[in-house]
Structures are given as C-alpha cells and as structure tokens.
Amino acid sequence: MKEITKALLKAQKEFPTVKKEDTNPFFRSSYAGLPSVLEAVLPKLNANDLVLSQSPITDGDRIGVETTIYHISGESITSKFTMNLAKNDPQGAGSAITYARRYALVSMLGLNVDEDDDGNVASAKTTKLSSKNEIEDAGAPFL
C-alpha cells in the first residue's frame, strides 16, 4: 500500500474544490453532480498513475457501487456503498447508481465540495425543521 498511498497523497494535494454547479429544483438546492466530480479528479488521478473504476453492485434489495482506485504498481483500494431504492424501476436504479458513484467518490477521495462556510451553518441557532426542504432552505450543506 506504500505506492498507492504516495500517489493518492500527491493527487489529493492537487484536487480543486468541486463546485456545486447542478440544481435540484424539487429541493431548491445546488449540488456537485457526478460530471463535475469526475472532471475535477480524473486528470489528477491519471497524472499520478491512478485509475478509477466504479461498477454497479447489489446486496439483496440494495443497489450501489463498488469503487476501486488502482495504482500502476498493482496496489488498489476498494470501497462498496449500497442503499435502498427509492423507486424500484430502471430509472430508480440508474439514479441510485449515479448517486452512489458520486457520494462514494467524494468520500473515498476526501474531496472538498464547494465553499467553506467557516462553520456558520453548524453554529446557527437550532430550530425545529420538519422536512428536508426546510433543512436545505436553512442552508444545511447537502452534497
């Protein structure tokens, strides 16, 4: 694991902040879509002799992705992420896989997604919020 760790460290130092450029009109929120995440990391990974692979997986009634980062040395790191389907049809499965790919990659690479609010949201006065919309409207940082 020595070579992949060195290469990941070098790549991680080069990763830009991933911008939240996509909009979810249903929740009136912005997020970093999979294309934005891949655009930010693939050139840096490849320049450091790292290759990304993500494959759909299932675990019972859960669906998700297995993410593997390979180094030219033959070393690799793998992580699996699965979730329940919100909608059990092909579109729901596709959406879940895309969601899983994005979250797994952001987590696995330790990416910074959008601006740092200097802890303002976390230190804001606590109020009772009854829905995800209200939480996002209050400025909670959703990816």
N, C-alpha and C. Protein backbone atom coordinates (compact mmCIF):
# COMPACT_ATOMS: atom_id res chain seq x y z
N MET A 1 0.82 -1.21 0.00
CA MET A 1 0.00 0.00 0.00
C MET A 1 0.86 1.27 0.00
N LYS A 2 2.15 1.10 -0.04
CA LYS A 2 3.04 2.24 0.02
C LYS A 2 2.95 3.13 -1.22
N GLU A 3 2.94 2.53 -2.40
CA GLU A 3 2.95 3.31 -3.64
C GLU A 3 1.62 4.01 -3.90
N ILE A 4 0.52 3.31 -3.67
CA ILE A 4 -0.79 3.94 -3.91
C ILE A 4 -1.04 5.08 -2.92
N THR A 5 -0.57 4.90 -1.70
CA THR A 5 -0.73 5.95 -0.70
C THR A 5 0.03 7.21 -1.10
N LYS A 6 1.26 7.04 -1.57
CA LYS A 6 2.05 8.19 -2.01
C LYS A 6 1.37 8.89 -3.20
N ALA A 7 0.87 8.10 -4.15
CA ALA A 7 0.23 8.67 -5.33
C ALA A 7 -1.08 9.37 -4.98
N LEU A 8 -1.85 8.78 -4.07
CA LEU A 8 -3.10 9.42 -3.64
C LEU A 8 -2.84 10.71 -2.89
N LEU A 9 -1.81 10.73 -2.07
CA LEU A 9 -1.45 11.96 -1.36
C LEU A 9 -1.12 13.07 -2.35
N LYS A 10 -0.32 12.74 -3.34
CA LYS A 10 0.06 13.73 -4.34
C LYS A 10 -1.17 14.22 -5.11
N ALA A 11 -2.03 13.30 -5.53
CA ALA A 11 -3.25 13.67 -6.26
C ALA A 11 -4.17 14.51 -5.39
N GLN A 12 -4.33 14.12 -4.14
CA GLN A 12 -5.22 14.84 -3.23
C GLN A 12 -4.78 16.28 -3.02
N LYS A 13 -3.48 16.52 -2.99
CA LYS A 13 -2.96 17.87 -2.86
C LYS A 13 -3.31 18.72 -4.09
N GLU A 14 -3.57 18.07 -5.21
CA GLU A 14 -3.85 18.77 -6.46
C GLU A 14 -5.35 18.93 -6.75
N PHE A 15 -6.20 18.20 -6.01
CA PHE A 15 -7.64 18.28 -6.30
C PHE A 15 -8.16 19.70 -6.05
N PRO A 16 -8.92 20.22 -6.99
CA PRO A 16 -9.55 21.53 -6.75
C PRO A 16 -10.79 21.36 -5.89
N THR A 17 -11.32 22.45 -5.40
CA THR A 17 -12.62 22.42 -4.75
C THR A 17 -13.64 22.08 -5.82
N VAL A 18 -14.53 21.14 -5.54
CA VAL A 18 -15.55 20.75 -6.51
C VAL A 18 -16.74 21.70 -6.33
N LYS A 19 -17.11 22.36 -7.39
CA LYS A 19 -18.19 23.35 -7.34
C LYS A 19 -19.56 22.69 -7.43
N LYS A 20 -20.49 23.23 -6.69
CA LYS A 20 -21.89 22.80 -6.76
C LYS A 20 -22.54 23.54 -7.92
N GLU A 21 -22.49 22.94 -9.10
CA GLU A 21 -22.98 23.60 -10.30
C GLU A 21 -24.33 23.09 -10.79
N ASP A 22 -24.83 22.02 -10.23
CA ASP A 22 -26.12 21.48 -10.63
C ASP A 22 -27.20 21.90 -9.64
N THR A 23 -28.43 21.96 -10.13
CA THR A 23 -29.54 22.41 -9.28
C THR A 23 -30.61 21.33 -9.22
N ASN A 24 -31.12 21.10 -8.02
CA ASN A 24 -32.24 20.20 -7.81
C ASN A 24 -33.46 21.09 -7.59
N PRO A 25 -34.32 21.28 -8.61
CA PRO A 25 -35.45 22.19 -8.47
C PRO A 25 -36.47 21.71 -7.44
N PHE A 26 -36.57 20.39 -7.22
CA PHE A 26 -37.53 19.86 -6.27
C PHE A 26 -37.20 20.31 -4.85
N PHE A 27 -35.89 20.29 -4.51
CA PHE A 27 -35.47 20.68 -3.17
C PHE A 27 -34.90 22.10 -3.13
N ARG A 28 -34.89 22.78 -4.28
CA ARG A 28 -34.35 24.14 -4.37
C ARG A 28 -32.95 24.20 -3.75
N SER A 29 -32.08 23.29 -4.22
CA SER A 29 -30.72 23.24 -3.69
C SER A 29 -29.74 23.00 -4.83
N SER A 30 -28.49 23.29 -4.56
CA SER A 30 -27.45 23.01 -5.54
C SER A 30 -26.60 21.85 -5.03
N TYR A 31 -25.95 21.18 -5.97
CA TYR A 31 -25.11 20.05 -5.62
C TYR A 31 -24.04 19.87 -6.69
N ALA A 32 -23.00 19.14 -6.33
CA ALA A 32 -21.94 18.80 -7.27
C ALA A 32 -22.34 17.50 -7.95
N GLY A 33 -22.68 17.58 -9.21
CA GLY A 33 -23.06 16.39 -9.96
C GLY A 33 -21.87 15.51 -10.29
N LEU A 34 -22.15 14.29 -10.67
CA LEU A 34 -21.09 13.34 -11.00
C LEU A 34 -20.15 13.87 -12.08
N PRO A 35 -20.65 14.49 -13.15
CA PRO A 35 -19.71 15.03 -14.15
C PRO A 35 -18.74 16.06 -13.56
N SER A 36 -19.20 16.91 -12.67
CA SER A 36 -18.32 17.91 -12.03
C SER A 36 -17.26 17.23 -11.17
N VAL A 37 -17.67 16.20 -10.44
CA VAL A 37 -16.72 15.48 -9.58
C VAL A 37 -15.67 14.78 -10.44
N LEU A 38 -16.12 14.08 -11.48
CA LEU A 38 -15.17 13.37 -12.34
C LEU A 38 -14.23 14.34 -13.06
N GLU A 39 -14.75 15.45 -13.51
CA GLU A 39 -13.92 16.45 -14.19
C GLU A 39 -12.84 16.99 -13.26
N ALA A 40 -13.15 17.11 -11.99
CA ALA A 40 -12.19 17.62 -11.02
C ALA A 40 -11.11 16.61 -10.66
N VAL A 41 -11.45 15.33 -10.64
CA VAL A 41 -10.49 14.36 -10.10
C VAL A 41 -9.78 13.47 -11.13
N LEU A 42 -10.43 13.13 -12.22
CA LEU A 42 -9.81 12.18 -13.14
C LEU A 42 -8.46 12.64 -13.68
N PRO A 43 -8.31 13.89 -14.13
CA PRO A 43 -6.98 14.30 -14.61
C PRO A 43 -5.89 14.20 -13.54
N LYS A 44 -6.24 14.51 -12.30
CA LYS A 44 -5.26 14.47 -11.20
C LYS A 44 -4.93 13.03 -10.83
N LEU A 45 -5.94 12.17 -10.82
CA LEU A 45 -5.68 10.75 -10.55
C LEU A 45 -4.78 10.17 -11.63
N ASN A 46 -5.17 10.36 -12.89
CA ASN A 46 -4.41 9.79 -14.01
C ASN A 46 -2.99 10.33 -14.07
N ALA A 47 -2.80 11.61 -13.79
CA ALA A 47 -1.46 12.20 -13.80
C ALA A 47 -0.56 11.59 -12.73
N ASN A 48 -1.16 10.96 -11.72
CA ASN A 48 -0.41 10.32 -10.64
C ASN A 48 -0.46 8.80 -10.72
N ASP A 49 -0.67 8.31 -11.95
CA ASP A 49 -0.67 6.86 -12.22
C ASP A 49 -1.75 6.10 -11.47
N LEU A 50 -2.91 6.75 -11.30
CA LEU A 50 -4.05 6.14 -10.63
C LEU A 50 -5.21 6.01 -11.62
N VAL A 51 -5.93 4.91 -11.52
CA VAL A 51 -7.08 4.65 -12.38
C VAL A 51 -8.30 4.42 -11.50
N LEU A 52 -9.41 5.01 -11.89
CA LEU A 52 -10.67 4.87 -11.16
C LEU A 52 -11.57 3.88 -11.88
N SER A 53 -12.19 2.99 -11.13
CA SER A 53 -13.18 2.06 -11.67
C SER A 53 -14.37 2.03 -10.73
N GLN A 54 -15.57 2.17 -11.29
CA GLN A 54 -16.79 2.07 -10.48
C GLN A 54 -17.77 1.15 -11.19
N SER A 55 -18.23 0.13 -10.47
CA SER A 55 -19.14 -0.87 -11.04
C SER A 55 -20.40 -0.97 -10.20
N PRO A 56 -21.57 -1.10 -10.85
CA PRO A 56 -22.81 -1.30 -10.09
C PRO A 56 -22.77 -2.63 -9.34
N ILE A 57 -23.33 -2.63 -8.14
CA ILE A 57 -23.43 -3.85 -7.35
C ILE A 57 -24.81 -3.91 -6.69
N THR A 58 -25.19 -5.10 -6.26
CA THR A 58 -26.41 -5.27 -5.47
C THR A 58 -26.07 -6.07 -4.22
N ASP A 59 -26.90 -5.89 -3.22
CA ASP A 59 -26.77 -6.64 -1.96
C ASP A 59 -28.19 -6.87 -1.48
N GLY A 60 -28.76 -8.00 -1.85
CA GLY A 60 -30.18 -8.24 -1.55
C GLY A 60 -31.03 -7.26 -2.32
N ASP A 61 -31.82 -6.46 -1.62
CA ASP A 61 -32.67 -5.47 -2.28
C ASP A 61 -32.01 -4.09 -2.34
N ARG A 62 -30.74 -4.03 -2.00
CA ARG A 62 -29.99 -2.77 -2.03
C ARG A 62 -29.18 -2.70 -3.32
N ILE A 63 -28.93 -1.48 -3.79
CA ILE A 63 -28.15 -1.27 -5.00
C ILE A 63 -27.09 -0.22 -4.71
N GLY A 64 -26.00 -0.28 -5.42
CA GLY A 64 -24.95 0.70 -5.18
C GLY A 64 -23.80 0.54 -6.13
N VAL A 65 -22.60 0.79 -5.61
CA VAL A 65 -21.41 0.81 -6.45
C VAL A 65 -20.21 0.31 -5.67
N GLU A 66 -19.32 -0.36 -6.39
CA GLU A 66 -18.03 -0.73 -5.85
C GLU A 66 -17.00 0.17 -6.54
N THR A 67 -16.29 0.95 -5.76
CA THR A 67 -15.30 1.89 -6.28
C THR A 67 -13.92 1.34 -5.98
N THR A 68 -13.09 1.26 -7.01
CA THR A 68 -11.71 0.80 -6.84
C THR A 68 -10.79 1.83 -7.47
N ILE A 69 -9.74 2.16 -6.76
CA ILE A 69 -8.68 3.00 -7.30
C ILE A 69 -7.45 2.11 -7.41
N TYR A 70 -6.94 2.00 -8.63
CA TYR A 70 -5.78 1.18 -8.93
C TYR A 70 -4.56 2.08 -9.15
N HIS A 71 -3.42 1.60 -8.67
CA HIS A 71 -2.16 2.28 -8.94
C HIS A 71 -1.37 1.44 -9.94
N ILE A 72 -0.52 2.08 -10.72
CA ILE A 72 0.28 1.39 -11.72
C ILE A 72 1.14 0.28 -11.11
N SER A 73 1.43 0.37 -9.82
CA SER A 73 2.23 -0.65 -9.12
C SER A 73 1.47 -1.95 -8.92
N GLY A 74 0.17 -1.92 -9.13
CA GLY A 74 -0.66 -3.10 -8.88
C GLY A 74 -1.44 -3.01 -7.58
N GLU A 75 -1.12 -2.03 -6.74
CA GLU A 75 -1.85 -1.83 -5.49
C GLU A 75 -3.21 -1.21 -5.79
N SER A 76 -4.18 -1.47 -4.93
CA SER A 76 -5.51 -0.90 -5.12
C SER A 76 -6.22 -0.72 -3.78
N ILE A 77 -7.23 0.15 -3.81
CA ILE A 77 -8.09 0.39 -2.66
C ILE A 77 -9.52 0.28 -3.17
N THR A 78 -10.36 -0.45 -2.44
CA THR A 78 -11.74 -0.68 -2.85
C THR A 78 -12.70 -0.33 -1.73
N SER A 79 -13.84 0.22 -2.12
CA SER A 79 -14.91 0.53 -1.17
C SER A 79 -16.25 0.20 -1.82
N LYS A 80 -17.19 -0.29 -1.01
CA LYS A 80 -18.54 -0.58 -1.50
C LYS A 80 -19.54 0.32 -0.79
N PHE A 81 -20.52 0.79 -1.55
CA PHE A 81 -21.57 1.65 -1.00
C PHE A 81 -22.90 1.22 -1.61
N THR A 82 -23.85 0.81 -0.76
CA THR A 82 -25.17 0.41 -1.25
C THR A 82 -26.26 1.17 -0.49
N MET A 83 -27.43 1.21 -1.09
CA MET A 83 -28.57 1.89 -0.47
C MET A 83 -29.86 1.23 -0.94
N ASN A 84 -30.94 1.53 -0.24
CA ASN A 84 -32.25 1.07 -0.66
C ASN A 84 -32.71 1.93 -1.83
N LEU A 85 -33.45 1.31 -2.74
CA LEU A 85 -34.01 2.06 -3.86
C LEU A 85 -35.21 2.88 -3.42
N ALA A 86 -35.26 4.13 -3.83
CA ALA A 86 -36.42 4.97 -3.56
C ALA A 86 -37.55 4.63 -4.52
N LYS A 87 -37.18 4.22 -5.73
CA LYS A 87 -38.14 3.87 -6.77
C LYS A 87 -37.63 2.61 -7.44
N ASN A 88 -38.38 1.52 -7.35
CA ASN A 88 -37.93 0.23 -7.83
C ASN A 88 -38.27 0.03 -9.30
N ASP A 89 -37.55 0.73 -10.17
CA ASP A 89 -37.67 0.56 -11.60
C ASP A 89 -36.33 0.92 -12.23
N PRO A 90 -36.15 0.75 -13.53
CA PRO A 90 -34.84 1.03 -14.13
C PRO A 90 -34.35 2.46 -13.90
N GLN A 91 -35.25 3.45 -13.96
CA GLN A 91 -34.84 4.83 -13.72
C GLN A 91 -34.38 5.03 -12.28
N GLY A 92 -35.10 4.41 -11.35
CA GLY A 92 -34.72 4.50 -9.94
C GLY A 92 -33.36 3.85 -9.69
N ALA A 93 -33.12 2.71 -10.34
CA ALA A 93 -31.83 2.04 -10.21
C ALA A 93 -30.72 2.89 -10.78
N GLY A 94 -30.95 3.47 -11.96
CA GLY A 94 -29.93 4.34 -12.57
C GLY A 94 -29.62 5.54 -11.71
N SER A 95 -30.65 6.16 -11.16
CA SER A 95 -30.44 7.32 -10.28
C SER A 95 -29.66 6.92 -9.04
N ALA A 96 -30.01 5.78 -8.45
CA ALA A 96 -29.32 5.32 -7.25
C ALA A 96 -27.85 5.03 -7.53
N ILE A 97 -27.55 4.44 -8.68
CA ILE A 97 -26.16 4.13 -9.04
C ILE A 97 -25.37 5.43 -9.22
N THR A 98 -25.95 6.39 -9.92
CA THR A 98 -25.27 7.68 -10.11
C THR A 98 -25.02 8.37 -8.77
N TYR A 99 -26.03 8.37 -7.91
CA TYR A 99 -25.91 8.95 -6.57
C TYR A 99 -24.81 8.26 -5.79
N ALA A 100 -24.80 6.93 -5.84
CA ALA A 100 -23.80 6.15 -5.11
C ALA A 100 -22.40 6.42 -5.65
N ARG A 101 -22.27 6.52 -6.97
CA ARG A 101 -20.96 6.81 -7.57
C ARG A 101 -20.42 8.15 -7.06
N ARG A 102 -21.28 9.14 -7.05
CA ARG A 102 -20.86 10.49 -6.64
C ARG A 102 -20.46 10.51 -5.17
N TYR A 103 -21.31 9.99 -4.30
CA TYR A 103 -21.02 10.01 -2.86
C TYR A 103 -19.82 9.14 -2.50
N ALA A 104 -19.70 7.98 -3.12
CA ALA A 104 -18.57 7.10 -2.84
C ALA A 104 -17.26 7.77 -3.24
N LEU A 105 -17.25 8.41 -4.39
CA LEU A 105 -16.03 9.04 -4.87
C LEU A 105 -15.64 10.24 -4.02
N VAL A 106 -16.60 11.07 -3.69
CA VAL A 106 -16.33 12.24 -2.84
C VAL A 106 -15.78 11.78 -1.49
N SER A 107 -16.39 10.76 -0.91
CA SER A 107 -15.94 10.26 0.40
C SER A 107 -14.58 9.59 0.32
N MET A 108 -14.41 8.74 -0.66
CA MET A 108 -13.18 7.96 -0.77
C MET A 108 -11.96 8.84 -1.01
N LEU A 109 -12.14 9.93 -1.78
CA LEU A 109 -11.02 10.80 -2.10
C LEU A 109 -10.89 11.99 -1.16
N GLY A 110 -11.82 12.14 -0.22
CA GLY A 110 -11.76 13.24 0.72
C GLY A 110 -11.90 14.59 0.05
N LEU A 111 -12.82 14.69 -0.91
CA LEU A 111 -12.96 15.91 -1.69
C LEU A 111 -13.64 17.03 -0.91
N ASN A 112 -13.23 18.24 -1.20
CA ASN A 112 -13.88 19.43 -0.67
C ASN A 112 -14.93 19.86 -1.71
N VAL A 113 -16.18 19.82 -1.32
CA VAL A 113 -17.26 20.18 -2.23
C VAL A 113 -17.78 21.56 -1.88
N ASP A 114 -17.45 22.51 -2.73
CA ASP A 114 -17.88 23.91 -2.67
C ASP A 114 -17.26 24.67 -1.50
N GLU A 115 -17.74 25.87 -1.32
CA GLU A 115 -17.12 26.80 -0.39
C GLU A 115 -17.26 26.35 1.07
N ASP A 116 -16.26 26.72 1.85
CA ASP A 116 -16.28 26.51 3.28
C ASP A 116 -17.05 27.68 3.90
N ASP A 117 -18.09 27.40 4.67
CA ASP A 117 -18.88 28.48 5.26
C ASP A 117 -18.35 28.91 6.63
N ASP A 118 -17.14 28.44 6.95
CA ASP A 118 -16.49 28.79 8.21
C ASP A 118 -17.30 28.37 9.42
N GLY A 119 -18.07 27.29 9.28
CA GLY A 119 -18.85 26.76 10.40
C GLY A 119 -20.12 27.51 10.69
N ASN A 120 -20.52 28.45 9.84
CA ASN A 120 -21.71 29.25 10.11
C ASN A 120 -22.99 28.43 10.17
N VAL A 121 -23.15 27.48 9.26
CA VAL A 121 -24.37 26.67 9.28
C VAL A 121 -24.41 25.81 10.53
N ALA A 122 -23.28 25.18 10.86
CA ALA A 122 -23.24 24.29 12.01
C ALA A 122 -23.45 25.03 13.32
N SER A 123 -23.06 26.30 13.39
CA SER A 123 -23.20 27.03 14.63
C SER A 123 -24.46 27.89 14.68
N ALA A 124 -25.29 27.80 13.63
CA ALA A 124 -26.53 28.59 13.60
C ALA A 124 -27.46 28.14 14.70
N LYS A 125 -28.34 29.05 15.14
CA LYS A 125 -29.33 28.74 16.17
C LYS A 125 -30.17 27.55 15.73
N THR A 126 -30.31 26.56 16.58
CA THR A 126 -31.06 25.36 16.26
C THR A 126 -32.55 25.65 16.30
N THR A 127 -33.23 25.26 15.21
CA THR A 127 -34.68 25.36 15.15
C THR A 127 -35.22 24.03 14.69
N LYS A 128 -36.46 23.76 15.00
CA LYS A 128 -37.07 22.51 14.59
C LYS A 128 -37.45 22.63 13.12
N LEU A 129 -36.87 21.74 12.30
CA LEU A 129 -37.16 21.70 10.88
C LEU A 129 -37.86 20.38 10.60
N SER A 130 -38.96 20.45 9.86
CA SER A 130 -39.77 19.24 9.71
C SER A 130 -39.55 18.52 8.39
N SER A 131 -38.80 19.08 7.46
CA SER A 131 -38.61 18.39 6.20
C SER A 131 -37.23 18.68 5.64
N LYS A 132 -36.83 17.85 4.67
CA LYS A 132 -35.55 18.05 4.02
C LYS A 132 -35.52 19.42 3.33
N ASN A 133 -36.66 19.85 2.76
CA ASN A 133 -36.72 21.17 2.13
C ASN A 133 -36.37 22.26 3.12
N GLU A 134 -36.94 22.20 4.31
CA GLU A 134 -36.67 23.22 5.31
C GLU A 134 -35.22 23.19 5.75
N ILE A 135 -34.64 22.00 5.85
CA ILE A 135 -33.24 21.89 6.24
C ILE A 135 -32.37 22.53 5.16
N GLU A 136 -32.63 22.21 3.88
CA GLU A 136 -31.85 22.80 2.81
C GLU A 136 -32.08 24.31 2.71
N ASP A 137 -33.32 24.76 2.92
CA ASP A 137 -33.61 26.19 2.89
C ASP A 137 -32.88 26.92 4.00
N ALA A 138 -32.62 26.22 5.11
CA ALA A 138 -31.90 26.84 6.22
C ALA A 138 -30.40 26.90 5.95
N GLY A 139 -29.98 26.30 4.85
CA GLY A 139 -28.57 26.39 4.47
C GLY A 139 -27.73 25.20 4.85
N ALA A 140 -28.35 24.10 5.25
CA ALA A 140 -27.58 22.91 5.60
C ALA A 140 -26.83 22.43 4.37
N PRO A 141 -25.58 22.04 4.52
CA PRO A 141 -24.75 21.67 3.36
C PRO A 141 -25.03 20.26 2.86
N PHE A 142 -25.84 20.14 1.85
CA PHE A 142 -26.06 18.84 1.21
C PHE A 142 -25.19 18.76 -0.02
N LEU A 143 -24.61 17.59 -0.25
CA LEU A 143 -23.71 17.39 -1.37
C LEU A 143 -24.47 17.44 -2.66
